[in-house]
All heavy atoms as atom14 arrays in JSON, in Angstrom:
{
  "sequence": "TGTRFGDNSGNQASSVSFTGSRFHGSAHFNYAQFPRTTWLDQVTF",
  "atom14_mask": [
    [1, 1, 1, 1, 1, 1, 1, 0, 0, 0, 0, 0, 0, 0],
    [1, 1, 1, 1, 0, 0, 0, 0, 0, 0, 0, 0, 0, 0],
    [1, 1, 1, 1, 1, 1, 1, 0, 0, 0, 0, 0, 0, 0],
    [1, 1, 1, 1, 1, 1, 1, 1, 1, 1, 1, 0, 0, 0],
    [1, 1, 1, 1, 1, 1, 1, 1, 1, 1, 1, 0, 0, 0],
    [1, 1, 1, 1, 0, 0, 0, 0, 0, 0, 0, 0, 0, 0],
    [1, 1, 1, 1, 1, 1, 1, 1, 0, 0, 0, 0, 0, 0],
    [1, 1, 1, 1, 1, 1, 1, 1, 0, 0, 0, 0, 0, 0],
    [1, 1, 1, 1, 1, 1, 0, 0, 0, 0, 0, 0, 0, 0],
    [1, 1, 1, 1, 0, 0, 0, 0, 0, 0, 0, 0, 0, 0],
    [1, 1, 1, 1, 1, 1, 1, 1, 0, 0, 0, 0, 0, 0],
    [1, 1, 1, 1, 1, 1, 1, 1, 1, 0, 0, 0, 0, 0],
    [1, 1, 1, 1, 1, 0, 0, 0, 0, 0, 0, 0, 0, 0],
    [1, 1, 1, 1, 1, 1, 0, 0, 0, 0, 0, 0, 0, 0],
    [1, 1, 1, 1, 1, 1, 0, 0, 0, 0, 0, 0, 0, 0],
    [1, 1, 1, 1, 1, 1, 1, 0, 0, 0, 0, 0, 0, 0],
    [1, 1, 1, 1, 1, 1, 0, 0, 0, 0, 0, 0, 0, 0],
    [1, 1, 1, 1, 1, 1, 1, 1, 1, 1, 1, 0, 0, 0],
    [1, 1, 1, 1, 1, 1, 1, 0, 0, 0, 0, 0, 0, 0],
    [1, 1, 1, 1, 0, 0, 0, 0, 0, 0, 0, 0, 0, 0],
    [1, 1, 1, 1, 1, 1, 0, 0, 0, 0, 0, 0, 0, 0],
    [1, 1, 1, 1, 1, 1, 1, 1, 1, 1, 1, 0, 0, 0],
    [1, 1, 1, 1, 1, 1, 1, 1, 1, 1, 1, 0, 0, 0],
    [1, 1, 1, 1, 1, 1, 1, 1, 1, 1, 0, 0, 0, 0],
    [1, 1, 1, 1, 0, 0, 0, 0, 0, 0, 0, 0, 0, 0],
    [1, 1, 1, 1, 1, 1, 0, 0, 0, 0, 0, 0, 0, 0],
    [1, 1, 1, 1, 1, 0, 0, 0, 0, 0, 0, 0, 0, 0],
    [1, 1, 1, 1, 1, 1, 1, 1, 1, 1, 0, 0, 0, 0],
    [1, 1, 1, 1, 1, 1, 1, 1, 1, 1, 1, 0, 0, 0],
    [1, 1, 1, 1, 1, 1, 1, 1, 0, 0, 0, 0, 0, 0],
    [1, 1, 1, 1, 1, 1, 1, 1, 1, 1, 1, 1, 0, 0],
    [1, 1, 1, 1, 1, 0, 0, 0, 0, 0, 0, 0, 0, 0],
    [1, 1, 1, 1, 1, 1, 1, 1, 1, 0, 0, 0, 0, 0],
    [1, 1, 1, 1, 1, 1, 1, 1, 1, 1, 1, 0, 0, 0],
    [1, 1, 1, 1, 1, 1, 1, 0, 0, 0, 0, 0, 0, 0],
    [1, 1, 1, 1, 1, 1, 1, 1, 1, 1, 1, 0, 0, 0],
    [1, 1, 1, 1, 1, 1, 1, 0, 0, 0, 0, 0, 0, 0],
    [1, 1, 1, 1, 1, 1, 1, 0, 0, 0, 0, 0, 0, 0],
    [1, 1, 1, 1, 1, 1, 1, 1, 1, 1, 1, 1, 1, 1],
    [1, 1, 1, 1, 1, 1, 1, 1, 0, 0, 0, 0, 0, 0],
    [1, 1, 1, 1, 1, 1, 1, 1, 0, 0, 0, 0, 0, 0],
    [1, 1, 1, 1, 1, 1, 1, 1, 1, 0, 0, 0, 0, 0],
    [1, 1, 1, 1, 1, 1, 1, 0, 0, 0, 0, 0, 0, 0],
    [1, 1, 1, 1, 1, 1, 1, 0, 0, 0, 0, 0, 0, 0],
    [1, 1, 1, 1, 1, 1, 1, 1, 1, 1, 1, 0, 0, 0]
  ],
  "atom14_positions": [
    [[-2.5, 8.55, -5.5], [-1.61, 9.68, -5.28], [-1.88, 10.33, -3.92], [-3.02, 10.71, -3.62], [-1.78, 10.73, -6.38], [-1.48, 10.15, -7.65], [-0.85, 11.92, -6.14], [0.0, 0.0, 0.0], [0.0, 0.0, 0.0], [0.0, 0.0, 0.0], [0.0, 0.0, 0.0], [0.0, 0.0, 0.0], [0.0, 0.0, 0.0], [0.0, 0.0, 0.0]],
    [[-0.86, 10.42, -3.11], [-0.99, 11.07, -1.81], [-1.79, 10.29, -0.78], [-2.11, 10.82, 0.3], [0.0, 0.0, 0.0], [0.0, 0.0, 0.0], [0.0, 0.0, 0.0], [0.0, 0.0, 0.0], [0.0, 0.0, 0.0], [0.0, 0.0, 0.0], [0.0, 0.0, 0.0], [0.0, 0.0, 0.0], [0.0, 0.0, 0.0], [0.0, 0.0, 0.0]],
    [[-2.12, 9.03, -1.07], [-2.9, 8.22, -0.12], [-2.07, 7.95, 1.13], [-0.87, 7.7, 1.06], [-3.31, 6.89, -0.77], [-4.03, 7.16, -1.97], [-4.16, 6.07, 0.18], [0.0, 0.0, 0.0], [0.0, 0.0, 0.0], [0.0, 0.0, 0.0], [0.0, 0.0, 0.0], [0.0, 0.0, 0.0], [0.0, 0.0, 0.0], [0.0, 0.0, 0.0]],
    [[-2.73, 7.99, 2.28], [-2.06, 7.72, 3.56], [-2.64, 6.43, 4.13], [-3.82, 6.36, 4.48], [-2.26, 8.89, 4.52], [-1.68, 10.2, 3.98], [-1.81, 11.34, 4.97], [-3.19, 11.67, 5.29], [-4.01, 12.36, 4.51], [-3.59, 12.78, 3.33], [-5.25, 12.62, 4.89], [0.0, 0.0, 0.0], [0.0, 0.0, 0.0], [0.0, 0.0, 0.0]],
    [[-1.79, 5.41, 4.18], [-2.2, 4.11, 4.69], [-1.74, 3.94, 6.13], [-0.58, 4.17, 6.45], [-1.59, 2.98, 3.86], [-2.09, 2.91, 2.45], [-1.32, 3.43, 1.41], [-3.3, 2.32, 2.15], [-1.76, 3.35, 0.1], [-3.75, 2.24, 0.84], [-2.98, 2.76, -0.18], [0.0, 0.0, 0.0], [0.0, 0.0, 0.0], [0.0, 0.0, 0.0]],
    [[-2.63, 3.51, 6.99], [-2.24, 3.14, 8.34], [-2.25, 4.3, 9.31], [-2.39, 5.47, 8.96], [0.0, 0.0, 0.0], [0.0, 0.0, 0.0], [0.0, 0.0, 0.0], [0.0, 0.0, 0.0], [0.0, 0.0, 0.0], [0.0, 0.0, 0.0], [0.0, 0.0, 0.0], [0.0, 0.0, 0.0], [0.0, 0.0, 0.0], [0.0, 0.0, 0.0]],
    [[-2.08, 3.94, 10.56], [-2.09, 4.91, 11.66], [-0.69, 5.46, 11.83], [0.21, 4.77, 12.3], [-2.56, 4.22, 12.94], [-2.66, 5.18, 14.11], [-2.34, 6.37, 13.92], [-3.05, 4.74, 15.2], [0.0, 0.0, 0.0], [0.0, 0.0, 0.0], [0.0, 0.0, 0.0], [0.0, 0.0, 0.0], [0.0, 0.0, 0.0], [0.0, 0.0, 0.0]],
    [[-0.48, 6.7, 11.46], [0.86, 7.29, 11.53], [1.31, 7.65, 12.94], [2.36, 8.25, 13.12], [0.93, 8.53, 10.63], [0.9, 8.16, 9.16], [1.4, 7.11, 8.78], [0.31, 9.0, 8.35], [0.0, 0.0, 0.0], [0.0, 0.0, 0.0], [0.0, 0.0, 0.0], [0.0, 0.0, 0.0], [0.0, 0.0, 0.0], [0.0, 0.0, 0.0]],
    [[0.5, 7.31, 13.94], [0.93, 7.56, 15.31], [1.95, 6.55, 15.78], [2.53, 6.69, 16.84], [-0.29, 7.51, 16.24], [-0.84, 6.21, 16.29], [0.0, 0.0, 0.0], [0.0, 0.0, 0.0], [0.0, 0.0, 0.0], [0.0, 0.0, 0.0], [0.0, 0.0, 0.0], [0.0, 0.0, 0.0], [0.0, 0.0, 0.0], [0.0, 0.0, 0.0]],
    [[2.19, 5.51, 14.97], [3.19, 4.52, 15.33], [2.62, 3.17, 15.69], [3.32, 2.31, 16.2], [0.0, 0.0, 0.0], [0.0, 0.0, 0.0], [0.0, 0.0, 0.0], [0.0, 0.0, 0.0], [0.0, 0.0, 0.0], [0.0, 0.0, 0.0], [0.0, 0.0, 0.0], [0.0, 0.0, 0.0], [0.0, 0.0, 0.0], [0.0, 0.0, 0.0]],
    [[1.35, 2.96, 15.43], [0.71, 1.68, 15.72], [1.36, 0.58, 14.89], [1.3, 0.58, 13.68], [-0.78, 1.78, 15.39], [-1.51, 0.47, 15.6], [-0.99, -0.45, 16.22], [-2.71, 0.39, 15.06], [0.0, 0.0, 0.0], [0.0, 0.0, 0.0], [0.0, 0.0, 0.0], [0.0, 0.0, 0.0], [0.0, 0.0, 0.0], [0.0, 0.0, 0.0]],
    [[2.01, -0.39, 15.58], [2.73, -1.43, 14.87], [1.79, -2.35, 14.08], [2.21, -3.02, 13.16], [3.55, -2.26, 15.86], [4.67, -1.48, 16.53], [5.54, -2.38, 17.37], [5.88, -3.47, 16.98], [5.9, -1.89, 18.54], [0.0, 0.0, 0.0], [0.0, 0.0, 0.0], [0.0, 0.0, 0.0], [0.0, 0.0, 0.0], [0.0, 0.0, 0.0]],
    [[0.53, -2.41, 14.48], [-0.4, -3.31, 13.82], [-0.88, -2.77, 12.48], [-1.46, -3.51, 11.69], [-1.6, -3.58, 14.72], [0.0, 0.0, 0.0], [0.0, 0.0, 0.0], [0.0, 0.0, 0.0], [0.0, 0.0, 0.0], [0.0, 0.0, 0.0], [0.0, 0.0, 0.0], [0.0, 0.0, 0.0], [0.0, 0.0, 0.0], [0.0, 0.0, 0.0]],
    [[-0.68, -1.49, 12.22], [-1.18, -0.91, 10.98], [-0.47, -1.53, 9.79], [0.74, -1.7, 9.78], [-0.99, 0.61, 10.98], [0.38, 0.93, 11.04], [0.0, 0.0, 0.0], [0.0, 0.0, 0.0], [0.0, 0.0, 0.0], [0.0, 0.0, 0.0], [0.0, 0.0, 0.0], [0.0, 0.0, 0.0], [0.0, 0.0, 0.0], [0.0, 0.0, 0.0]],
    [[-1.25, -1.87, 8.77], [-0.67, -2.49, 7.59], [-1.62, -2.3, 6.43], [-2.8, -1.94, 6.6], [-0.42, -3.99, 7.82], [-1.64, -4.67, 8.01], [0.0, 0.0, 0.0], [0.0, 0.0, 0.0], [0.0, 0.0, 0.0], [0.0, 0.0, 0.0], [0.0, 0.0, 0.0], [0.0, 0.0, 0.0], [0.0, 0.0, 0.0], [0.0, 0.0, 0.0]],
    [[-1.1, -2.55, 5.23], [-1.93, -2.54, 4.04], [-1.46, -3.7, 3.17], [-0.26, -3.98, 3.08], [-1.84, -1.2, 3.27], [-0.41, -0.9, 2.85], [-2.74, -1.23, 2.04], [0.0, 0.0, 0.0], [0.0, 0.0, 0.0], [0.0, 0.0, 0.0], [0.0, 0.0, 0.0], [0.0, 0.0, 0.0], [0.0, 0.0, 0.0], [0.0, 0.0, 0.0]],
    [[-2.41, -4.4, 2.56], [-2.06, -5.56, 1.74], [-2.7, -5.47, 0.37], [-3.9, -5.24, 0.24], [-2.5, -6.85, 2.44], [-2.24, -7.97, 1.6], [0.0, 0.0, 0.0], [0.0, 0.0, 0.0], [0.0, 0.0, 0.0], [0.0, 0.0, 0.0], [0.0, 0.0, 0.0], [0.0, 0.0, 0.0], [0.0, 0.0, 0.0], [0.0, 0.0, 0.0]],
    [[-1.86, -5.64, -0.66], [-2.3, -5.76, -2.04], [-1.95, -7.14, -2.59], [-1.9, -7.34, -3.81], [-1.64, -4.69, -2.92], [-2.17, -3.29, -2.72], [-1.7, -2.51, -1.69], [-3.13, -2.77, -3.57], [-2.17, -1.21, -1.5], [-3.62, -1.47, -3.39], [-3.13, -0.7, -2.35], [0.0, 0.0, 0.0], [0.0, 0.0, 0.0], [0.0, 0.0, 0.0]],
    [[-1.68, -8.09, -1.72], [-1.24, -9.41, -2.14], [-2.18, -10.01, -3.19], [-3.39, -10.08, -3.0], [-1.17, -10.37, -0.94], [-0.23, -9.87, 0.01], [-0.75, -11.77, -1.37], [0.0, 0.0, 0.0], [0.0, 0.0, 0.0], [0.0, 0.0, 0.0], [0.0, 0.0, 0.0], [0.0, 0.0, 0.0], [0.0, 0.0, 0.0], [0.0, 0.0, 0.0]],
    [[-1.58, -10.43, -4.32], [-2.35, -11.1, -5.35], [-3.25, -10.22, -6.18], [-4.03, -10.72, -7.0], [0.0, 0.0, 0.0], [0.0, 0.0, 0.0], [0.0, 0.0, 0.0], [0.0, 0.0, 0.0], [0.0, 0.0, 0.0], [0.0, 0.0, 0.0], [0.0, 0.0, 0.0], [0.0, 0.0, 0.0], [0.0, 0.0, 0.0], [0.0, 0.0, 0.0]],
    [[-3.18, -8.91, -6.0], [-4.06, -8.02, -6.77], [-3.56, -7.89, -8.22], [-2.42, -8.21, -8.54], [-4.13, -6.64, -6.11], [-2.84, -6.06, -6.01], [0.0, 0.0, 0.0], [0.0, 0.0, 0.0], [0.0, 0.0, 0.0], [0.0, 0.0, 0.0], [0.0, 0.0, 0.0], [0.0, 0.0, 0.0], [0.0, 0.0, 0.0], [0.0, 0.0, 0.0]],
    [[-4.46, -7.43, -9.09], [-4.16, -7.26, -10.51], [-4.53, -5.84, -10.94], [-5.65, -5.38, -10.67], [-4.93, -8.26, -11.37], [-4.68, -9.73, -11.02], [-3.3, -10.18, -11.48], [-3.11, -11.59, -11.26], [-2.62, -12.11, -10.13], [-2.3, -11.33, -9.11], [-2.45, -13.42, -10.02], [0.0, 0.0, 0.0], [0.0, 0.0, 0.0], [0.0, 0.0, 0.0]],
    [[-3.61, -5.18, -11.62], [-3.87, -3.84, -12.14], [-3.95, -3.92, -13.66], [-2.94, -4.11, -14.33], [-2.77, -2.86, -11.71], [-2.78, -2.52, -10.25], [-2.13, -3.33, -9.33], [-3.43, -1.39, -9.79], [-2.13, -3.02, -7.97], [-3.45, -1.07, -8.44], [-2.8, -1.89, -7.53], [0.0, 0.0, 0.0], [0.0, 0.0, 0.0], [0.0, 0.0, 0.0]],
    [[-5.16, -3.8, -14.21], [-5.36, -3.8, -15.67], [-5.42, -2.37, -16.16], [-6.32, -1.99, -16.93], [-6.65, -4.55, -16.0], [-6.59, -6.02, -15.72], [-6.01, -6.93, -16.57], [-7.03, -6.74, -14.66], [-6.1, -8.15, -16.06], [-6.72, -8.06, -14.89], [0.0, 0.0, 0.0], [0.0, 0.0, 0.0], [0.0, 0.0, 0.0], [0.0, 0.0, 0.0]],
    [[-4.51, -1.58, -15.73], [-4.42, -0.17, -16.09], [-3.29, 0.43, -15.28], [-2.64, -0.25, -14.48], [0.0, 0.0, 0.0], [0.0, 0.0, 0.0], [0.0, 0.0, 0.0], [0.0, 0.0, 0.0], [0.0, 0.0, 0.0], [0.0, 0.0, 0.0], [0.0, 0.0, 0.0], [0.0, 0.0, 0.0], [0.0, 0.0, 0.0], [0.0, 0.0, 0.0]],
    [[-3.04, 1.69, -15.48], [-1.93, 2.34, -14.77], [-2.23, 2.43, -13.27], [-3.37, 2.58, -12.85], [-1.67, 3.74, -15.33], [-2.83, 4.55, -15.21], [0.0, 0.0, 0.0], [0.0, 0.0, 0.0], [0.0, 0.0, 0.0], [0.0, 0.0, 0.0], [0.0, 0.0, 0.0], [0.0, 0.0, 0.0], [0.0, 0.0, 0.0], [0.0, 0.0, 0.0]],
    [[-1.17, 2.31, -12.48], [-1.29, 2.39, -11.02], [-0.37, 3.51, -10.55], [0.85, 3.46, -10.78], [-0.9, 1.07, -10.37], [0.0, 0.0, 0.0], [0.0, 0.0, 0.0], [0.0, 0.0, 0.0], [0.0, 0.0, 0.0], [0.0, 0.0, 0.0], [0.0, 0.0, 0.0], [0.0, 0.0, 0.0], [0.0, 0.0, 0.0], [0.0, 0.0, 0.0]],
    [[-0.93, 4.5, -9.9], [-0.16, 5.67, -9.45], [-0.19, 5.74, -7.92], [-1.24, 5.93, -7.32], [-0.73, 6.95, -10.05], [-0.58, 7.02, -11.54], [0.5, 7.61, -12.16], [-1.38, 6.56, -12.53], [0.36, 7.51, -13.48], [-0.76, 6.87, -13.72], [0.0, 0.0, 0.0], [0.0, 0.0, 0.0], [0.0, 0.0, 0.0], [0.0, 0.0, 0.0]],
    [[1.01, 5.57, -7.33], [1.16, 5.68, -5.88], [2.1, 6.84, -5.54], [2.82, 6.79, -4.56], [1.72, 4.37, -5.31], [0.76, 3.21, -5.36], [0.71, 2.39, -6.48], [-0.09, 2.95, -4.3], [-0.17, 1.32, -6.54], [-0.97, 1.87, -4.34], [-1.01, 1.06, -5.46], [0.0, 0.0, 0.0], [0.0, 0.0, 0.0], [0.0, 0.0, 0.0]],
    [[2.1, 7.87, -6.38], [2.97, 9.02, -6.15], [2.69, 9.63, -4.78], [1.53, 9.88, -4.43], [2.75, 10.09, -7.22], [2.72, 9.51, -8.62], [1.97, 8.61, -8.91], [3.54, 10.06, -9.49], [0.0, 0.0, 0.0], [0.0, 0.0, 0.0], [0.0, 0.0, 0.0], [0.0, 0.0, 0.0], [0.0, 0.0, 0.0], [0.0, 0.0, 0.0]],
    [[3.74, 9.87, -4.02], [3.66, 10.55, -2.72], [2.8, 9.79, -1.7], [2.42, 10.36, -0.67], [3.13, 11.97, -2.88], [3.89, 12.78, -3.9], [3.4, 12.95, -5.19], [5.13, 13.33, -3.6], [4.11, 13.67, -6.14], [5.86, 14.05, -4.55], [5.33, 14.22, -5.82], [6.04, 14.91, -6.75], [0.0, 0.0, 0.0], [0.0, 0.0, 0.0]],
    [[2.49, 8.54, -1.97], [1.71, 7.75, -1.01], [2.55, 7.47, 0.23], [3.77, 7.35, 0.16], [1.24, 6.45, -1.64], [0.0, 0.0, 0.0], [0.0, 0.0, 0.0], [0.0, 0.0, 0.0], [0.0, 0.0, 0.0], [0.0, 0.0, 0.0], [0.0, 0.0, 0.0], [0.0, 0.0, 0.0], [0.0, 0.0, 0.0], [0.0, 0.0, 0.0]],
    [[1.88, 7.35, 1.36], [2.55, 7.05, 2.63], [2.06, 5.69, 3.12], [0.89, 5.52, 3.45], [2.25, 8.14, 3.66], [2.79, 9.5, 3.27], [2.37, 10.59, 4.24], [1.76, 10.32, 5.26], [2.71, 11.82, 3.92], [0.0, 0.0, 0.0], [0.0, 0.0, 0.0], [0.0, 0.0, 0.0], [0.0, 0.0, 0.0], [0.0, 0.0, 0.0]],
    [[2.99, 4.74, 3.13], [2.65, 3.38, 3.52], [3.03, 3.13, 4.98], [3.96, 3.75, 5.5], [3.38, 2.37, 2.62], [2.92, 2.4, 1.19], [3.56, 3.22, 0.26], [1.85, 1.63, 0.78], [3.14, 3.25, -1.06], [1.42, 1.66, -0.54], [2.07, 2.47, -1.45], [0.0, 0.0, 0.0], [0.0, 0.0, 0.0], [0.0, 0.0, 0.0]],
    [[2.34, 2.21, 5.64], [2.58, 1.97, 7.07], [3.81, 1.08, 7.31], [4.6, 0.83, 6.4], [1.31, 1.26, 7.52], [0.87, 0.52, 6.3], [1.23, 1.39, 5.13], [0.0, 0.0, 0.0], [0.0, 0.0, 0.0], [0.0, 0.0, 0.0], [0.0, 0.0, 0.0], [0.0, 0.0, 0.0], [0.0, 0.0, 0.0], [0.0, 0.0, 0.0]],
    [[3.93, 0.63, 8.55], [5.09, -0.17, 8.93], [5.21, -1.44, 8.09], [6.31, -1.88, 7.76], [4.98, -0.53, 10.41], [6.18, -1.26, 10.98], [5.96, -1.59, 12.44], [5.83, -0.37, 13.23], [6.84, 0.29, 13.74], [8.07, -0.13, 13.56], [6.63, 1.39, 14.45], [0.0, 0.0, 0.0], [0.0, 0.0, 0.0], [0.0, 0.0, 0.0]],
    [[4.08, -2.05, 7.76], [4.11, -3.28, 6.95], [3.23, -3.1, 5.72], [2.05, -2.76, 5.84], [3.61, -4.48, 7.77], [4.42, -4.64, 8.93], [3.69, -5.75, 6.93], [0.0, 0.0, 0.0], [0.0, 0.0, 0.0], [0.0, 0.0, 0.0], [0.0, 0.0, 0.0], [0.0, 0.0, 0.0], [0.0, 0.0, 0.0], [0.0, 0.0, 0.0]],
    [[3.82, -3.32, 4.55], [3.11, -3.18, 3.29], [3.32, -4.44, 2.47], [4.46, -4.86, 2.24], [3.61, -1.96, 2.49], [3.42, -0.77, 3.27], [2.88, -1.84, 1.17], [0.0, 0.0, 0.0], [0.0, 0.0, 0.0], [0.0, 0.0, 0.0], [0.0, 0.0, 0.0], [0.0, 0.0, 0.0], [0.0, 0.0, 0.0], [0.0, 0.0, 0.0]],
    [[2.22, -5.04, 2.02], [2.28, -6.23, 1.19], [1.89, -5.86, -0.23], [0.73, -5.57, -0.5], [1.34, -7.3, 1.73], [1.63, -7.74, 3.13], [1.19, -7.16, 4.28], [2.45, -8.85, 3.53], [1.68, -7.83, 5.38], [2.45, -8.88, 4.96], [3.16, -9.83, 2.85], [3.14, -9.83, 5.69], [3.85, -10.79, 3.57], [3.84, -10.79, 4.97]],
    [[2.87, -5.84, -1.12], [2.63, -5.66, -2.55], [3.21, -6.86, -3.29], [3.73, -6.73, -4.4], [3.25, -4.35, -3.03], [2.41, -3.09, -2.77], [3.28, -1.86, -2.64], [1.38, -2.9, -3.88], [0.0, 0.0, 0.0], [0.0, 0.0, 0.0], [0.0, 0.0, 0.0], [0.0, 0.0, 0.0], [0.0, 0.0, 0.0], [0.0, 0.0, 0.0]],
    [[3.12, -8.02, -2.66], [3.69, -9.23, -3.22], [2.69, -9.94, -4.13], [1.48, -9.82, -3.95], [4.13, -10.18, -2.1], [2.99, -10.54, -1.16], [2.26, -9.61, -0.74], [2.82, -11.73, -0.86], [0.0, 0.0, 0.0], [0.0, 0.0, 0.0], [0.0, 0.0, 0.0], [0.0, 0.0, 0.0], [0.0, 0.0, 0.0], [0.0, 0.0, 0.0]],
    [[3.23, -10.65, -5.13], [2.42, -11.41, -6.08], [1.4, -10.54, -6.8], [0.33, -10.99, -7.19], [1.7, -12.57, -5.36], [2.65, -13.51, -4.63], [1.93, -14.6, -3.89], [1.22, -15.4, -4.49], [2.1, -14.65, -2.57], [0.0, 0.0, 0.0], [0.0, 0.0, 0.0], [0.0, 0.0, 0.0], [0.0, 0.0, 0.0], [0.0, 0.0, 0.0]],
    [[1.74, -9.28, -6.96], [0.88, -8.32, -7.66], [1.28, -8.3, -9.14], [2.46, -8.39, -9.47], [1.0, -6.92, -7.05], [0.17, -5.91, -7.84], [0.59, -6.94, -5.59], [0.0, 0.0, 0.0], [0.0, 0.0, 0.0], [0.0, 0.0, 0.0], [0.0, 0.0, 0.0], [0.0, 0.0, 0.0], [0.0, 0.0, 0.0], [0.0, 0.0, 0.0]],
    [[0.3, -8.18, -10.01], [0.57, -8.04, -11.44], [0.2, -6.63, -11.89], [-0.97, -6.23, -11.79], [-0.22, -9.06, -12.27], [0.14, -10.39, -11.86], [0.1, -8.91, -13.75], [0.0, 0.0, 0.0], [0.0, 0.0, 0.0], [0.0, 0.0, 0.0], [0.0, 0.0, 0.0], [0.0, 0.0, 0.0], [0.0, 0.0, 0.0], [0.0, 0.0, 0.0]],
    [[1.2, -5.89, -12.35], [0.99, -4.55, -12.9], [1.04, -4.69, -14.42], [2.12, -4.84, -15.0], [2.06, -3.58, -12.42], [2.06, -3.34, -10.93], [2.87, -4.1, -10.09], [1.27, -2.36, -10.37], [2.89, -3.87, -8.72], [1.27, -2.13, -9.0], [2.08, -2.89, -8.18], [0.0, 0.0, 0.0], [0.0, 0.0, 0.0], [0.0, 0.0, 0.0]]
  ]
}
């Protein structure tokens, strides 16, 4: 909740990856701020 990922100054290289991750419980990303590139692919919730 409210997590800020990446450099909000506009750095194009900033990214966050959850590729292939597994959540064996609730996942809350309320009000989170993700960067220019976000990988939430192949994730199991």
